[in-house]
All heavy atoms as atom14 arrays in JSON, in Angstrom:
{
  "sequence": "RVKALADALPASSRPQILLTTYTNALADLLARLLDDLGGPDLTAKV",
  "atom14_mask": [
    [1, 1, 1, 1, 1, 1, 1, 1, 1, 1, 1, 0, 0, 0],
    [1, 1, 1, 1, 1, 1, 1, 0, 0, 0, 0, 0, 0, 0],
    [1, 1, 1, 1, 1, 1, 1, 1, 1, 0, 0, 0, 0, 0],
    [1, 1, 1, 1, 1, 0, 0, 0, 0, 0, 0, 0, 0, 0],
    [1, 1, 1, 1, 1, 1, 1, 1, 0, 0, 0, 0, 0, 0],
    [1, 1, 1, 1, 1, 0, 0, 0, 0, 0, 0, 0, 0, 0],
    [1, 1, 1, 1, 1, 1, 1, 1, 0, 0, 0, 0, 0, 0],
    [1, 1, 1, 1, 1, 0, 0, 0, 0, 0, 0, 0, 0, 0],
    [1, 1, 1, 1, 1, 1, 1, 1, 0, 0, 0, 0, 0, 0],
    [1, 1, 1, 1, 1, 1, 1, 0, 0, 0, 0, 0, 0, 0],
    [1, 1, 1, 1, 1, 0, 0, 0, 0, 0, 0, 0, 0, 0],
    [1, 1, 1, 1, 1, 1, 0, 0, 0, 0, 0, 0, 0, 0],
    [1, 1, 1, 1, 1, 1, 0, 0, 0, 0, 0, 0, 0, 0],
    [1, 1, 1, 1, 1, 1, 1, 1, 1, 1, 1, 0, 0, 0],
    [1, 1, 1, 1, 1, 1, 1, 0, 0, 0, 0, 0, 0, 0],
    [1, 1, 1, 1, 1, 1, 1, 1, 1, 0, 0, 0, 0, 0],
    [1, 1, 1, 1, 1, 1, 1, 1, 0, 0, 0, 0, 0, 0],
    [1, 1, 1, 1, 1, 1, 1, 1, 0, 0, 0, 0, 0, 0],
    [1, 1, 1, 1, 1, 1, 1, 1, 0, 0, 0, 0, 0, 0],
    [1, 1, 1, 1, 1, 1, 1, 0, 0, 0, 0, 0, 0, 0],
    [1, 1, 1, 1, 1, 1, 1, 0, 0, 0, 0, 0, 0, 0],
    [1, 1, 1, 1, 1, 1, 1, 1, 1, 1, 1, 1, 0, 0],
    [1, 1, 1, 1, 1, 1, 1, 0, 0, 0, 0, 0, 0, 0],
    [1, 1, 1, 1, 1, 1, 1, 1, 0, 0, 0, 0, 0, 0],
    [1, 1, 1, 1, 1, 0, 0, 0, 0, 0, 0, 0, 0, 0],
    [1, 1, 1, 1, 1, 1, 1, 1, 0, 0, 0, 0, 0, 0],
    [1, 1, 1, 1, 1, 0, 0, 0, 0, 0, 0, 0, 0, 0],
    [1, 1, 1, 1, 1, 1, 1, 1, 0, 0, 0, 0, 0, 0],
    [1, 1, 1, 1, 1, 1, 1, 1, 0, 0, 0, 0, 0, 0],
    [1, 1, 1, 1, 1, 1, 1, 1, 0, 0, 0, 0, 0, 0],
    [1, 1, 1, 1, 1, 0, 0, 0, 0, 0, 0, 0, 0, 0],
    [1, 1, 1, 1, 1, 1, 1, 1, 1, 1, 1, 0, 0, 0],
    [1, 1, 1, 1, 1, 1, 1, 1, 0, 0, 0, 0, 0, 0],
    [1, 1, 1, 1, 1, 1, 1, 1, 0, 0, 0, 0, 0, 0],
    [1, 1, 1, 1, 1, 1, 1, 1, 0, 0, 0, 0, 0, 0],
    [1, 1, 1, 1, 1, 1, 1, 1, 0, 0, 0, 0, 0, 0],
    [1, 1, 1, 1, 1, 1, 1, 1, 0, 0, 0, 0, 0, 0],
    [1, 1, 1, 1, 0, 0, 0, 0, 0, 0, 0, 0, 0, 0],
    [1, 1, 1, 1, 0, 0, 0, 0, 0, 0, 0, 0, 0, 0],
    [1, 1, 1, 1, 1, 1, 1, 0, 0, 0, 0, 0, 0, 0],
    [1, 1, 1, 1, 1, 1, 1, 1, 0, 0, 0, 0, 0, 0],
    [1, 1, 1, 1, 1, 1, 1, 1, 0, 0, 0, 0, 0, 0],
    [1, 1, 1, 1, 1, 1, 1, 0, 0, 0, 0, 0, 0, 0],
    [1, 1, 1, 1, 1, 0, 0, 0, 0, 0, 0, 0, 0, 0],
    [1, 1, 1, 1, 1, 1, 1, 1, 1, 0, 0, 0, 0, 0],
    [1, 1, 1, 1, 1, 1, 1, 0, 0, 0, 0, 0, 0, 0]
  ],
  "atom14_positions": [
    [[7.12, -6.06, 2.11], [6.55, -7.08, 1.26], [5.59, -6.47, 0.36], [5.42, -6.89, -0.85], [5.91, -8.2, 2.12], [5.39, -9.39, 1.36], [6.48, -10.04, 0.54], [6.0, -11.12, -0.39], [6.67, -11.49, -1.45], [7.86, -10.84, -1.72], [6.25, -12.4, -2.25], [0.0, 0.0, 0.0], [0.0, 0.0, 0.0], [0.0, 0.0, 0.0]],
    [[4.77, -5.52, 0.85], [3.74, -4.82, 0.03], [4.5, -4.16, -1.15], [4.03, -4.19, -2.3], [2.96, -3.84, 0.86], [2.14, -2.89, -0.04], [2.05, -4.55, 1.79], [0.0, 0.0, 0.0], [0.0, 0.0, 0.0], [0.0, 0.0, 0.0], [0.0, 0.0, 0.0], [0.0, 0.0, 0.0], [0.0, 0.0, 0.0], [0.0, 0.0, 0.0]],
    [[5.56, -3.51, -0.84], [6.32, -2.74, -1.87], [6.84, -3.78, -2.88], [6.8, -3.57, -4.1], [7.44, -1.99, -1.29], [8.23, -1.18, -2.24], [9.34, -0.32, -1.61], [9.92, 0.67, -2.6], [10.42, 0.03, -3.79], [0.0, 0.0, 0.0], [0.0, 0.0, 0.0], [0.0, 0.0, 0.0], [0.0, 0.0, 0.0], [0.0, 0.0, 0.0]],
    [[7.42, -4.89, -2.46], [7.98, -5.85, -3.42], [6.84, -6.39, -4.3], [7.06, -6.58, -5.52], [8.58, -7.01, -2.68], [0.0, 0.0, 0.0], [0.0, 0.0, 0.0], [0.0, 0.0, 0.0], [0.0, 0.0, 0.0], [0.0, 0.0, 0.0], [0.0, 0.0, 0.0], [0.0, 0.0, 0.0], [0.0, 0.0, 0.0], [0.0, 0.0, 0.0]],
    [[5.7, -6.69, -3.8], [4.6, -7.17, -4.56], [4.04, -6.08, -5.52], [3.75, -6.3, -6.69], [3.44, -7.62, -3.68], [3.66, -8.82, -2.8], [2.6, -8.96, -1.73], [3.85, -10.14, -3.67], [0.0, 0.0, 0.0], [0.0, 0.0, 0.0], [0.0, 0.0, 0.0], [0.0, 0.0, 0.0], [0.0, 0.0, 0.0], [0.0, 0.0, 0.0]],
    [[4.06, -4.88, -5.02], [3.5, -3.77, -5.92], [4.5, -3.48, -7.02], [4.04, -3.17, -8.12], [3.31, -2.55, -5.02], [0.0, 0.0, 0.0], [0.0, 0.0, 0.0], [0.0, 0.0, 0.0], [0.0, 0.0, 0.0], [0.0, 0.0, 0.0], [0.0, 0.0, 0.0], [0.0, 0.0, 0.0], [0.0, 0.0, 0.0], [0.0, 0.0, 0.0]],
    [[5.79, -3.57, -6.75], [6.77, -3.28, -7.8], [6.58, -4.28, -9.0], [7.01, -3.97, -10.07], [8.2, -3.39, -7.29], [8.54, -2.15, -6.34], [7.8, -1.14, -6.4], [9.47, -2.27, -5.65], [0.0, 0.0, 0.0], [0.0, 0.0, 0.0], [0.0, 0.0, 0.0], [0.0, 0.0, 0.0], [0.0, 0.0, 0.0], [0.0, 0.0, 0.0]],
    [[6.17, -5.48, -8.7], [5.97, -6.45, -9.77], [4.64, -6.4, -10.46], [4.42, -7.1, -11.46], [6.09, -7.93, -9.16], [0.0, 0.0, 0.0], [0.0, 0.0, 0.0], [0.0, 0.0, 0.0], [0.0, 0.0, 0.0], [0.0, 0.0, 0.0], [0.0, 0.0, 0.0], [0.0, 0.0, 0.0], [0.0, 0.0, 0.0], [0.0, 0.0, 0.0]],
    [[3.75, -5.45, -10.08], [2.41, -5.33, -10.63], [2.44, -4.23, -11.71], [3.02, -3.22, -11.57], [1.4, -5.07, -9.63], [1.02, -6.14, -8.61], [0.0, -5.54, -7.5], [0.38, -7.35, -9.31], [0.0, 0.0, 0.0], [0.0, 0.0, 0.0], [0.0, 0.0, 0.0], [0.0, 0.0, 0.0], [0.0, 0.0, 0.0], [0.0, 0.0, 0.0]],
    [[1.66, -4.45, -12.84], [1.5, -3.45, -13.81], [0.53, -2.41, -13.25], [-0.26, -2.65, -12.24], [0.93, -4.13, -14.97], [0.18, -5.3, -14.42], [1.04, -5.76, -13.18], [0.0, 0.0, 0.0], [0.0, 0.0, 0.0], [0.0, 0.0, 0.0], [0.0, 0.0, 0.0], [0.0, 0.0, 0.0], [0.0, 0.0, 0.0], [0.0, 0.0, 0.0]],
    [[0.44, -1.25, -13.87], [-0.53, -0.19, -13.5], [-1.97, -0.81, -13.68], [-2.18, -1.54, -14.6], [-0.37, 1.0, -14.29], [0.0, 0.0, 0.0], [0.0, 0.0, 0.0], [0.0, 0.0, 0.0], [0.0, 0.0, 0.0], [0.0, 0.0, 0.0], [0.0, 0.0, 0.0], [0.0, 0.0, 0.0], [0.0, 0.0, 0.0], [0.0, 0.0, 0.0]],
    [[-2.84, -0.37, -12.84], [-4.22, -0.92, -12.87], [-5.22, 0.14, -12.45], [-4.85, 1.12, -11.79], [-4.37, -2.14, -11.96], [-5.69, -2.56, -11.87], [0.0, 0.0, 0.0], [0.0, 0.0, 0.0], [0.0, 0.0, 0.0], [0.0, 0.0, 0.0], [0.0, 0.0, 0.0], [0.0, 0.0, 0.0], [0.0, 0.0, 0.0], [0.0, 0.0, 0.0]],
    [[-6.47, 0.02, -12.88], [-7.5, 0.95, -12.51], [-7.91, 0.81, -11.05], [-8.55, 1.74, -10.58], [-8.69, 0.81, -13.4], [-9.2, -0.54, -13.24], [0.0, 0.0, 0.0], [0.0, 0.0, 0.0], [0.0, 0.0, 0.0], [0.0, 0.0, 0.0], [0.0, 0.0, 0.0], [0.0, 0.0, 0.0], [0.0, 0.0, 0.0], [0.0, 0.0, 0.0]],
    [[-7.52, -0.27, -10.43], [-7.91, -0.46, -8.97], [-6.74, -1.12, -8.26], [-5.95, -1.86, -8.83], [-9.22, -1.35, -8.91], [-9.06, -2.67, -9.43], [-10.37, -3.46, -9.24], [-10.25, -4.75, -9.82], [-9.67, -5.85, -9.19], [-9.07, -5.7, -8.01], [-9.7, -7.04, -9.75], [0.0, 0.0, 0.0], [0.0, 0.0, 0.0], [0.0, 0.0, 0.0]],
    [[-6.65, -0.91, -6.93], [-5.6, -1.58, -6.19], [-5.73, -3.11, -6.31], [-6.92, -3.67, -6.2], [-5.86, -1.02, -4.74], [-6.6, 0.2, -4.94], [-7.49, 0.03, -6.16], [0.0, 0.0, 0.0], [0.0, 0.0, 0.0], [0.0, 0.0, 0.0], [0.0, 0.0, 0.0], [0.0, 0.0, 0.0], [0.0, 0.0, 0.0], [0.0, 0.0, 0.0]],
    [[-4.63, -3.79, -6.36], [-4.63, -5.24, -6.39], [-4.02, -5.87, -5.19], [-3.87, -7.04, -5.05], [-3.89, -5.67, -7.65], [-4.5, -5.24, -8.98], [-3.78, -5.69, -10.17], [-3.58, -6.97, -10.43], [-3.2, -4.79, -10.97], [0.0, 0.0, 0.0], [0.0, 0.0, 0.0], [0.0, 0.0, 0.0], [0.0, 0.0, 0.0], [0.0, 0.0, 0.0]],
    [[-3.63, -5.0, -4.23], [-3.05, -5.5, -2.97], [-3.93, -4.98, -1.8], [-4.27, -3.86, -1.81], [-1.63, -5.07, -2.7], [-0.72, -5.56, -3.93], [-1.12, -5.58, -1.41], [0.72, -4.98, -3.89], [0.0, 0.0, 0.0], [0.0, 0.0, 0.0], [0.0, 0.0, 0.0], [0.0, 0.0, 0.0], [0.0, 0.0, 0.0], [0.0, 0.0, 0.0]],
    [[-4.26, -5.83, -0.89], [-4.94, -5.44, 0.36], [-3.96, -5.55, 1.54], [-3.32, -6.57, 1.72], [-6.2, -6.27, 0.68], [-6.83, -6.13, 2.05], [-7.37, -4.65, 2.14], [-7.9, -7.13, 2.29], [0.0, 0.0, 0.0], [0.0, 0.0, 0.0], [0.0, 0.0, 0.0], [0.0, 0.0, 0.0], [0.0, 0.0, 0.0], [0.0, 0.0, 0.0]],
    [[-3.76, -4.39, 2.19], [-2.98, -4.4, 3.49], [-3.96, -4.15, 4.6], [-4.59, -3.12, 4.59], [-1.86, -3.36, 3.44], [-1.13, -3.06, 4.69], [-0.4, -4.35, 5.21], [-0.08, -1.97, 4.46], [0.0, 0.0, 0.0], [0.0, 0.0, 0.0], [0.0, 0.0, 0.0], [0.0, 0.0, 0.0], [0.0, 0.0, 0.0], [0.0, 0.0, 0.0]],
    [[-4.12, -5.09, 5.46], [-5.1, -4.92, 6.53], [-4.56, -5.25, 7.93], [-3.57, -5.94, 8.05], [-6.33, -5.82, 6.16], [-7.38, -5.53, 7.15], [-5.92, -7.36, 6.35], [0.0, 0.0, 0.0], [0.0, 0.0, 0.0], [0.0, 0.0, 0.0], [0.0, 0.0, 0.0], [0.0, 0.0, 0.0], [0.0, 0.0, 0.0], [0.0, 0.0, 0.0]],
    [[-5.29, -4.67, 8.89], [-4.89, -4.87, 10.29], [-6.06, -4.78, 11.11], [-7.17, -4.63, 10.64], [-3.75, -3.88, 10.77], [-3.28, -4.28, 12.06], [-4.27, -2.46, 10.8], [0.0, 0.0, 0.0], [0.0, 0.0, 0.0], [0.0, 0.0, 0.0], [0.0, 0.0, 0.0], [0.0, 0.0, 0.0], [0.0, 0.0, 0.0], [0.0, 0.0, 0.0]],
    [[-5.97, -4.8, 12.45], [-7.13, -5.0, 13.27], [-7.85, -3.65, 13.58], [-9.11, -3.57, 13.56], [-6.72, -5.64, 14.67], [-8.03, -6.13, 15.41], [-8.68, -7.25, 15.0], [-8.48, -5.5, 16.51], [-9.74, -7.73, 15.64], [-9.55, -5.92, 17.26], [-10.18, -7.08, 16.86], [-11.31, -7.53, 17.45], [0.0, 0.0, 0.0], [0.0, 0.0, 0.0]],
    [[-7.1, -2.55, 13.83], [-7.79, -1.26, 14.28], [-7.58, -0.23, 13.29], [-6.71, -0.25, 12.41], [-7.29, -0.88, 15.66], [-5.86, -0.45, 15.5], [-7.35, -1.96, 16.67], [0.0, 0.0, 0.0], [0.0, 0.0, 0.0], [0.0, 0.0, 0.0], [0.0, 0.0, 0.0], [0.0, 0.0, 0.0], [0.0, 0.0, 0.0], [0.0, 0.0, 0.0]],
    [[-8.43, 0.9, 13.46], [-8.31, 2.04, 12.61], [-6.95, 2.69, 12.8], [-6.34, 3.21, 11.89], [-9.47, 2.96, 12.96], [-10.71, 2.79, 12.05], [-10.6, 2.51, 10.87], [-11.85, 2.93, 12.57], [0.0, 0.0, 0.0], [0.0, 0.0, 0.0], [0.0, 0.0, 0.0], [0.0, 0.0, 0.0], [0.0, 0.0, 0.0], [0.0, 0.0, 0.0]],
    [[-6.57, 2.85, 14.09], [-5.33, 3.54, 14.34], [-4.09, 2.9, 13.72], [-3.23, 3.56, 13.18], [-5.13, 3.66, 15.9], [0.0, 0.0, 0.0], [0.0, 0.0, 0.0], [0.0, 0.0, 0.0], [0.0, 0.0, 0.0], [0.0, 0.0, 0.0], [0.0, 0.0, 0.0], [0.0, 0.0, 0.0], [0.0, 0.0, 0.0], [0.0, 0.0, 0.0]],
    [[-4.08, 1.61, 13.76], [-3.0, 0.85, 13.16], [-3.08, 0.95, 11.57], [-2.02, 1.13, 10.94], [-2.94, -0.6, 13.54], [-2.56, -0.88, 15.04], [-2.76, -2.29, 15.34], [-1.17, -0.33, 15.32], [0.0, 0.0, 0.0], [0.0, 0.0, 0.0], [0.0, 0.0, 0.0], [0.0, 0.0, 0.0], [0.0, 0.0, 0.0], [0.0, 0.0, 0.0]],
    [[-4.19, 0.99, 11.04], [-4.4, 1.12, 9.59], [-3.87, 2.54, 9.16], [-3.23, 2.63, 8.09], [-5.86, 0.89, 9.17], [0.0, 0.0, 0.0], [0.0, 0.0, 0.0], [0.0, 0.0, 0.0], [0.0, 0.0, 0.0], [0.0, 0.0, 0.0], [0.0, 0.0, 0.0], [0.0, 0.0, 0.0], [0.0, 0.0, 0.0], [0.0, 0.0, 0.0]],
    [[-4.22, 3.56, 9.95], [-3.71, 4.9, 9.59], [-2.24, 4.96, 9.68], [-1.54, 5.6, 8.79], [-4.3, 5.89, 10.62], [-5.91, 6.08, 10.39], [-6.34, 5.63, 9.34], [-6.47, 6.61, 11.28], [0.0, 0.0, 0.0], [0.0, 0.0, 0.0], [0.0, 0.0, 0.0], [0.0, 0.0, 0.0], [0.0, 0.0, 0.0], [0.0, 0.0, 0.0]],
    [[-1.62, 4.22, 10.65], [-0.17, 4.26, 10.84], [0.46, 3.55, 9.6], [1.42, 4.06, 9.07], [0.18, 3.56, 12.09], [1.79, 3.38, 12.28], [2.49, 4.7, 12.34], [2.02, 2.5, 13.61], [0.0, 0.0, 0.0], [0.0, 0.0, 0.0], [0.0, 0.0, 0.0], [0.0, 0.0, 0.0], [0.0, 0.0, 0.0], [0.0, 0.0, 0.0]],
    [[-0.09, 2.43, 9.18], [0.45, 1.65, 8.05], [0.39, 2.55, 6.77], [1.29, 2.53, 5.97], [-0.37, 0.41, 7.88], [-0.27, -0.73, 8.92], [-1.07, -1.92, 8.57], [1.32, -1.21, 8.97], [0.0, 0.0, 0.0], [0.0, 0.0, 0.0], [0.0, 0.0, 0.0], [0.0, 0.0, 0.0], [0.0, 0.0, 0.0], [0.0, 0.0, 0.0]],
    [[-0.73, 3.33, 6.73], [-0.84, 4.13, 5.45], [0.25, 5.2, 5.45], [0.85, 5.49, 4.37], [-2.28, 4.85, 5.43], [0.0, 0.0, 0.0], [0.0, 0.0, 0.0], [0.0, 0.0, 0.0], [0.0, 0.0, 0.0], [0.0, 0.0, 0.0], [0.0, 0.0, 0.0], [0.0, 0.0, 0.0], [0.0, 0.0, 0.0], [0.0, 0.0, 0.0]],
    [[0.58, 5.78, 6.6], [1.64, 6.81, 6.62], [3.01, 6.21, 6.32], [3.8, 6.77, 5.55], [1.62, 7.52, 7.97], [0.4, 8.38, 8.29], [0.69, 9.3, 9.41], [0.85, 8.65, 10.65], [-0.02, 8.2, 11.54], [-1.31, 8.38, 11.22], [0.29, 7.51, 12.67], [0.0, 0.0, 0.0], [0.0, 0.0, 0.0], [0.0, 0.0, 0.0]],
    [[3.25, 5.07, 6.92], [4.51, 4.42, 6.74], [4.75, 3.95, 5.28], [5.77, 4.1, 4.69], [4.73, 3.25, 7.69], [4.77, 3.54, 9.19], [4.77, 2.33, 9.95], [6.01, 4.38, 9.41], [0.0, 0.0, 0.0], [0.0, 0.0, 0.0], [0.0, 0.0, 0.0], [0.0, 0.0, 0.0], [0.0, 0.0, 0.0], [0.0, 0.0, 0.0]],
    [[3.61, 3.47, 4.7], [3.72, 2.99, 3.29], [3.99, 4.25, 2.32], [4.76, 4.1, 1.37], [2.51, 2.21, 2.86], [2.64, 1.38, 1.66], [3.63, 0.26, 1.8], [1.26, 0.77, 1.24], [0.0, 0.0, 0.0], [0.0, 0.0, 0.0], [0.0, 0.0, 0.0], [0.0, 0.0, 0.0], [0.0, 0.0, 0.0], [0.0, 0.0, 0.0]],
    [[3.36, 5.3, 2.64], [3.53, 6.44, 1.81], [4.96, 6.99, 1.98], [5.58, 7.31, 0.94], [2.57, 7.62, 2.26], [2.62, 8.83, 1.4], [2.45, 8.68, 0.18], [2.97, 9.88, 1.88], [0.0, 0.0, 0.0], [0.0, 0.0, 0.0], [0.0, 0.0, 0.0], [0.0, 0.0, 0.0], [0.0, 0.0, 0.0], [0.0, 0.0, 0.0]],
    [[5.56, 6.9, 3.17], [6.98, 7.23, 3.31], [7.9, 6.3, 2.56], [8.92, 6.75, 2.02], [7.34, 7.19, 4.83], [6.73, 8.29, 5.66], [6.28, 9.29, 5.05], [6.64, 8.14, 6.92], [0.0, 0.0, 0.0], [0.0, 0.0, 0.0], [0.0, 0.0, 0.0], [0.0, 0.0, 0.0], [0.0, 0.0, 0.0], [0.0, 0.0, 0.0]],
    [[7.49, 5.05, 2.41], [8.35, 4.03, 1.8], [8.31, 4.21, 0.29], [9.31, 4.04, -0.32], [7.85, 2.69, 2.23], [8.72, 1.46, 1.76], [10.06, 1.52, 2.31], [8.03, 0.18, 2.12], [0.0, 0.0, 0.0], [0.0, 0.0, 0.0], [0.0, 0.0, 0.0], [0.0, 0.0, 0.0], [0.0, 0.0, 0.0], [0.0, 0.0, 0.0]],
    [[7.14, 4.51, -0.29], [7.12, 4.5, -1.71], [6.31, 5.64, -2.37], [6.24, 5.7, -3.7], [0.0, 0.0, 0.0], [0.0, 0.0, 0.0], [0.0, 0.0, 0.0], [0.0, 0.0, 0.0], [0.0, 0.0, 0.0], [0.0, 0.0, 0.0], [0.0, 0.0, 0.0], [0.0, 0.0, 0.0], [0.0, 0.0, 0.0], [0.0, 0.0, 0.0]],
    [[5.67, 6.45, -1.57], [4.88, 7.52, -2.17], [3.67, 7.16, -2.95], [3.19, 6.01, -2.83], [0.0, 0.0, 0.0], [0.0, 0.0, 0.0], [0.0, 0.0, 0.0], [0.0, 0.0, 0.0], [0.0, 0.0, 0.0], [0.0, 0.0, 0.0], [0.0, 0.0, 0.0], [0.0, 0.0, 0.0], [0.0, 0.0, 0.0], [0.0, 0.0, 0.0]],
    [[3.06, 8.11, -3.66], [1.79, 7.84, -4.3], [1.83, 6.64, -5.31], [0.82, 5.94, -5.63], [1.44, 9.18, -5.06], [2.26, 10.2, -4.28], [3.44, 9.46, -3.77], [0.0, 0.0, 0.0], [0.0, 0.0, 0.0], [0.0, 0.0, 0.0], [0.0, 0.0, 0.0], [0.0, 0.0, 0.0], [0.0, 0.0, 0.0], [0.0, 0.0, 0.0]],
    [[2.99, 6.52, -5.98], [3.07, 5.36, -6.93], [2.83, 3.98, -6.33], [2.33, 3.03, -6.94], [4.41, 5.45, -7.68], [4.61, 6.58, -8.57], [3.48, 7.2, -9.0], [5.68, 6.91, -9.01], [0.0, 0.0, 0.0], [0.0, 0.0, 0.0], [0.0, 0.0, 0.0], [0.0, 0.0, 0.0], [0.0, 0.0, 0.0], [0.0, 0.0, 0.0]],
    [[3.26, 3.91, -5.07], [3.16, 2.69, -4.29], [1.74, 2.55, -3.73], [1.01, 1.56, -3.92], [4.16, 2.54, -3.17], [4.0, 1.4, -2.23], [3.95, 0.12, -2.92], [5.14, 1.44, -1.14], [0.0, 0.0, 0.0], [0.0, 0.0, 0.0], [0.0, 0.0, 0.0], [0.0, 0.0, 0.0], [0.0, 0.0, 0.0], [0.0, 0.0, 0.0]],
    [[1.18, 3.64, -3.08], [-0.02, 3.53, -2.31], [-1.17, 3.48, -3.36], [-2.27, 2.94, -3.0], [-0.2, 4.73, -1.49], [-0.1, 5.97, -2.22], [0.82, 4.82, -0.38], [0.0, 0.0, 0.0], [0.0, 0.0, 0.0], [0.0, 0.0, 0.0], [0.0, 0.0, 0.0], [0.0, 0.0, 0.0], [0.0, 0.0, 0.0], [0.0, 0.0, 0.0]],
    [[-0.99, 3.83, -4.61], [-2.07, 3.72, -5.59], [-2.44, 2.25, -5.87], [-3.51, 1.94, -6.41], [-1.68, 4.46, -6.87], [0.0, 0.0, 0.0], [0.0, 0.0, 0.0], [0.0, 0.0, 0.0], [0.0, 0.0, 0.0], [0.0, 0.0, 0.0], [0.0, 0.0, 0.0], [0.0, 0.0, 0.0], [0.0, 0.0, 0.0], [0.0, 0.0, 0.0]],
    [[-1.48, 1.27, -5.61], [-1.7, -0.02, -5.89], [-2.19, -0.88, -4.73], [-2.36, -2.06, -4.78], [-0.36, -0.68, -6.36], [0.18, -0.06, -7.65], [1.5, -0.74, -8.09], [1.98, -0.26, -9.4], [3.29, -0.92, -9.82], [0.0, 0.0, 0.0], [0.0, 0.0, 0.0], [0.0, 0.0, 0.0], [0.0, 0.0, 0.0], [0.0, 0.0, 0.0]],
    [[-2.46, -0.11, -3.57], [-2.73, -0.75, -2.34], [-4.01, -0.27, -1.65], [-4.1, 0.99, -1.61], [-1.56, -0.69, -1.36], [-1.78, -1.59, -0.12], [-0.2, -1.07, -2.0], [0.0, 0.0, 0.0], [0.0, 0.0, 0.0], [0.0, 0.0, 0.0], [0.0, 0.0, 0.0], [0.0, 0.0, 0.0], [0.0, 0.0, 0.0], [0.0, 0.0, 0.0]]
  ]
}
C-alpha cells in the first residue's frame, strides 16, 4: 500500500508518507522490506 501511494506522488523535498509501527525492531524490518520492494526511489518518499 505504501508503494501504491508513493507511485502516485510527485517528487518532493520531504517524505509525504509515514509508515509506523510499535517497536524499533519492527520499524527496522519494515525499512529493509520496503527497500527490497522499491529501492531508494521508494524509500525517499517515506
